[in-house]
Amino acid sequence: MLKFSKDHAWVKVDDNIGTVGISDYAQKQLKDVVFVELPEKGKKVEKDKMAASIESVKSVSDINSPVSGEVIEINESLKDDPTLINKDSQGKGWLFKVKMEKKEELDSLITEGEYKKSNEA
């Protein structure tokens, strides 16, 4: 199941583990990503609070976590190749994995179809 926040983060859920990244729409707005600051393993992240930041040639953007929980893994590949976010933002360009504390937070997120519809304008 893939769900989106209104601020362009996505979470793919497998049991109580959520893989978090940014949408294709968001990476296109950022343009060329040059650096990614990820949370440390073991860090607690909160829904709708800053968890990571992405620096592009255009700007620096804070990324809010779409769910609360403990970071259990980060995408180490982004340290060597942050452009993975531009190449495959909803695949190999994922940011971190979180052991979710409140699965009910998913209810406030929207589906991929709803997300795409809200960003077509």
C-alpha atoms as a PDB file:
ATOM      1  CA  MET A   1       0.000   0.000   0.000  1.00  0.00           C
ATOM      2  CA  LEU A   2       1.385   3.387  -1.061  1.00  0.00           C
ATOM      3  CA  LYS A   3       0.024   6.518   0.634  1.00  0.00           C
ATOM      4  CA  PHE A   4       0.931  10.195   0.230  1.00  0.00           C
ATOM      5  CA  SER A   5       0.987  13.243   2.478  1.00  0.00           C
ATOM      6  CA  LYS A   6      -0.131  16.619   1.176  1.00  0.00           C
ATOM      7  CA  ASP A   7       3.485  17.829   1.466  1.00  0.00           C
ATOM      8  CA  HIS A   8       4.712  15.329  -1.134  1.00  0.00           C
ATOM      9  CA  ALA A   9       6.124  12.506   0.997  1.00  0.00           C
ATOM     10  CA  TRP A  10       5.052   8.920   0.412  1.00  0.00           C
ATOM     11  CA  VAL A  11       5.066   5.833   2.595  1.00  0.00           C
ATOM     12  CA  LYS A  12       4.904   2.240   1.440  1.00  0.00           C
ATOM     13  CA  VAL A  13       3.693  -0.015   4.228  1.00  0.00           C
ATOM     14  CA  ASP A  14       4.711  -3.628   4.828  1.00  0.00           C
ATOM     15  CA  ASP A  15       3.272  -4.870   8.150  1.00  0.00           C
ATOM     16  CA  ASN A  16       4.324  -2.103  10.572  1.00  0.00           C
ATOM     17  CA  ILE A  17       7.369  -0.968   8.563  1.00  0.00           C
ATOM     18  CA  GLY A  18       6.981   2.139   6.435  1.00  0.00           C
ATOM     19  CA  THR A  19       9.433   3.013   3.667  1.00  0.00           C
ATOM     20  CA  VAL A  20       9.454   6.795   3.174  1.00  0.00           C
ATOM     21  CA  GLY A  21      10.421   8.919   0.172  1.00  0.00           C
ATOM     22  CA  ILE A  22       9.318  11.923  -1.852  1.00  0.00           C
ATOM     23  CA  SER A  23       6.963  11.926  -4.795  1.00  0.00           C
ATOM     24  CA  ASP A  24       7.965  12.157  -8.419  1.00  0.00           C
ATOM     25  CA  TYR A  25       6.166  15.511  -8.499  1.00  0.00           C
ATOM     26  CA  ALA A  26       8.354  16.806  -5.616  1.00  0.00           C
ATOM     27  CA  GLN A  27      11.628  15.677  -7.181  1.00  0.00           C
ATOM     28  CA  LYS A  28      10.677  17.427 -10.426  1.00  0.00           C
ATOM     29  CA  GLN A  29      10.071  20.646  -8.479  1.00  0.00           C
ATOM     30  CA  LEU A  30      13.449  20.343  -6.746  1.00  0.00           C
ATOM     31  CA  LYS A  31      15.307  19.666 -10.007  1.00  0.00           C
ATOM     32  CA  ASP A  32      18.867  18.262  -9.630  1.00  0.00           C
ATOM     33  CA  VAL A  33      19.401  16.799  -6.147  1.00  0.00           C
ATOM     34  CA  VAL A  34      22.985  17.255  -4.923  1.00  0.00           C
ATOM     35  CA  PHE A  35      22.835  16.266  -1.225  1.00  0.00           C
ATOM     36  CA  VAL A  36      20.521  14.419   1.162  1.00  0.00           C
ATOM     37  CA  GLU A  37      20.540  14.651   4.952  1.00  0.00           C
ATOM     38  CA  LEU A  38      18.871  11.584   6.437  1.00  0.00           C
ATOM     39  CA  PRO A  39      17.831  10.857  10.023  1.00  0.00           C
ATOM     40  CA  GLU A  40      20.058   8.587  12.106  1.00  0.00           C
ATOM     41  CA  LYS A  41      19.066   4.987  12.755  1.00  0.00           C
ATOM     42  CA  GLY A  42      17.267   4.776  16.084  1.00  0.00           C
ATOM     43  CA  LYS A  43      15.915   8.331  15.847  1.00  0.00           C
ATOM     44  CA  LYS A  44      12.232   8.858  16.600  1.00  0.00           C
ATOM     45  CA  VAL A  45      10.386  10.741  13.872  1.00  0.00           C
ATOM     46  CA  GLU A  46       6.969  12.311  14.213  1.00  0.00           C
ATOM     47  CA  LYS A  47       4.220  12.586  11.635  1.00  0.00           C
ATOM     48  CA  ASP A  48       4.316  15.948   9.841  1.00  0.00           C
ATOM     49  CA  LYS A  49       7.625  16.947  11.498  1.00  0.00           C
ATOM     50  CA  MET A  50      10.955  17.363   9.721  1.00  0.00           C
ATOM     51  CA  ALA A  51      12.833  14.079   9.398  1.00  0.00           C
ATOM     52  CA  ALA A  52      15.239  14.727   6.494  1.00  0.00           C
ATOM     53  CA  SER A  53      16.317  17.434   4.088  1.00  0.00           C
ATOM     54  CA  ILE A  54      17.139  17.441   0.412  1.00  0.00           C
ATOM     55  CA  GLU A  55      19.441  19.966  -1.210  1.00  0.00           C
ATOM     56  CA  SER A  56      19.156  20.639  -4.903  1.00  0.00           C
ATOM     57  CA  VAL A  57      20.836  23.149  -7.196  1.00  0.00           C
ATOM     58  CA  LYS A  58      17.661  25.199  -6.689  1.00  0.00           C
ATOM     59  CA  SER A  59      16.986  25.045  -2.917  1.00  0.00           C
ATOM     60  CA  VAL A  60      17.024  23.086   0.334  1.00  0.00           C
ATOM     61  CA  SER A  61      13.760  21.389   1.290  1.00  0.00           C
ATOM     62  CA  ASP A  62      12.790  19.881   4.613  1.00  0.00           C
ATOM     63  CA  ILE A  63      11.071  16.524   4.327  1.00  0.00           C
ATOM     64  CA  ASN A  64       8.395  15.787   6.902  1.00  0.00           C
ATOM     65  CA  SER A  65       7.756  12.204   7.894  1.00  0.00           C
ATOM     66  CA  PRO A  66       4.294  10.981   6.853  1.00  0.00           C
ATOM     67  CA  VAL A  67       4.197   8.647   9.906  1.00  0.00           C
ATOM     68  CA  SER A  68       5.593   8.477  13.448  1.00  0.00           C
ATOM     69  CA  GLY A  69       8.022   5.848  14.664  1.00  0.00           C
ATOM     70  CA  GLU A  70      11.642   4.778  14.968  1.00  0.00           C
ATOM     71  CA  VAL A  71      14.034   4.954  12.017  1.00  0.00           C
ATOM     72  CA  ILE A  72      15.350   1.432  11.468  1.00  0.00           C
ATOM     73  CA  GLU A  73      17.174   1.890   8.161  1.00  0.00           C
ATOM     74  CA  ILE A  74      18.375   4.674   5.893  1.00  0.00           C
ATOM     75  CA  ASN A  75      19.116   4.523   2.184  1.00  0.00           C
ATOM     76  CA  GLU A  76      22.938   4.498   2.295  1.00  0.00           C
ATOM     77  CA  SER A  77      23.066   4.637  -1.525  1.00  0.00           C
ATOM     78  CA  LEU A  78      21.935   8.275  -1.415  1.00  0.00           C
ATOM     79  CA  LYS A  79      25.191   9.328   0.275  1.00  0.00           C
ATOM     80  CA  ASP A  80      27.164   8.369  -2.842  1.00  0.00           C
ATOM     81  CA  ASP A  81      24.452   9.103  -5.395  1.00  0.00           C
ATOM     82  CA  PRO A  82      21.772  11.582  -4.264  1.00  0.00           C
ATOM     83  CA  THR A  83      20.570  11.770  -7.879  1.00  0.00           C
ATOM     84  CA  LEU A  84      18.785   8.438  -7.279  1.00  0.00           C
ATOM     85  CA  ILE A  85      15.960  10.649  -6.018  1.00  0.00           C
ATOM     86  CA  ASN A  86      15.705  12.267  -9.462  1.00  0.00           C
ATOM     87  CA  LYS A  87      16.105   8.971 -11.296  1.00  0.00           C
ATOM     88  CA  ASP A  88      13.679   6.858  -9.228  1.00  0.00           C
ATOM     89  CA  SER A  89      12.059   8.852  -6.395  1.00  0.00           C
ATOM     90  CA  GLN A  90       9.423   6.215  -5.715  1.00  0.00           C
ATOM     91  CA  GLY A  91      11.806   3.262  -5.975  1.00  0.00           C
ATOM     92  CA  LYS A  92      15.583   3.214  -5.480  1.00  0.00           C
ATOM     93  CA  GLY A  93      15.475   6.837  -4.275  1.00  0.00           C
ATOM     94  CA  TRP A  94      13.618   6.039  -1.027  1.00  0.00           C
ATOM     95  CA  LEU A  95      14.902   7.897   2.053  1.00  0.00           C
ATOM     96  CA  PHE A  96      14.395   5.855   5.223  1.00  0.00           C
ATOM     97  CA  LYS A  97      12.402   3.051   6.825  1.00  0.00           C
ATOM     98  CA  VAL A  98      10.472   3.546  10.025  1.00  0.00           C
ATOM     99  CA  LYS A  99       8.943   1.097  12.479  1.00  0.00           C
ATOM    100  CA  MET A 100       5.533   2.721  12.755  1.00  0.00           C
ATOM    101  CA  GLU A 101       4.066   3.447  16.184  1.00  0.00           C
ATOM    102  CA  LYS A 102       0.590   4.562  15.132  1.00  0.00           C
ATOM    103  CA  LYS A 103      -0.729   2.721  12.110  1.00  0.00           C
ATOM    104  CA  GLU A 104      -3.939   4.783  12.333  1.00  0.00           C
ATOM    105  CA  GLU A 105      -1.909   7.783  11.075  1.00  0.00           C
ATOM    106  CA  LEU A 106      -2.183   6.201   7.629  1.00  0.00           C
ATOM    107  CA  ASP A 107      -5.889   7.130   7.634  1.00  0.00           C
ATOM    108  CA  SER A 108      -4.996  10.824   7.205  1.00  0.00           C
ATOM    109  CA  LEU A 109      -2.883  10.143   4.089  1.00  0.00           C
ATOM    110  CA  ILE A 110      -4.215   9.979   0.534  1.00  0.00           C
ATOM    111  CA  THR A 111      -3.963   7.371  -2.211  1.00  0.00           C
ATOM    112  CA  GLU A 112      -1.646   7.740  -5.188  1.00  0.00           C
ATOM    113  CA  GLY A 113      -4.617   8.520  -7.439  1.00  0.00           C
ATOM    114  CA  GLU A 114      -5.871  11.255  -5.084  1.00  0.00           C
ATOM    115  CA  TYR A 115      -2.355  12.657  -4.803  1.00  0.00           C
ATOM    116  CA  LYS A 116      -1.849  12.823  -8.585  1.00  0.00           C
ATOM    117  CA  LYS A 117      -5.242  14.457  -9.023  1.00  0.00           C
ATOM    118  CA  SER A 118      -4.414  17.163  -6.452  1.00  0.00           C
ATOM    119  CA  ASN A 119      -1.121  18.011  -8.214  1.00  0.00           C
ATOM    120  CA  GLU A 120      -2.339  18.119 -11.820  1.00  0.00           C
ATOM    121  CA  ALA A 121      -3.338  21.791 -11.766  1.00  0.00           C
END
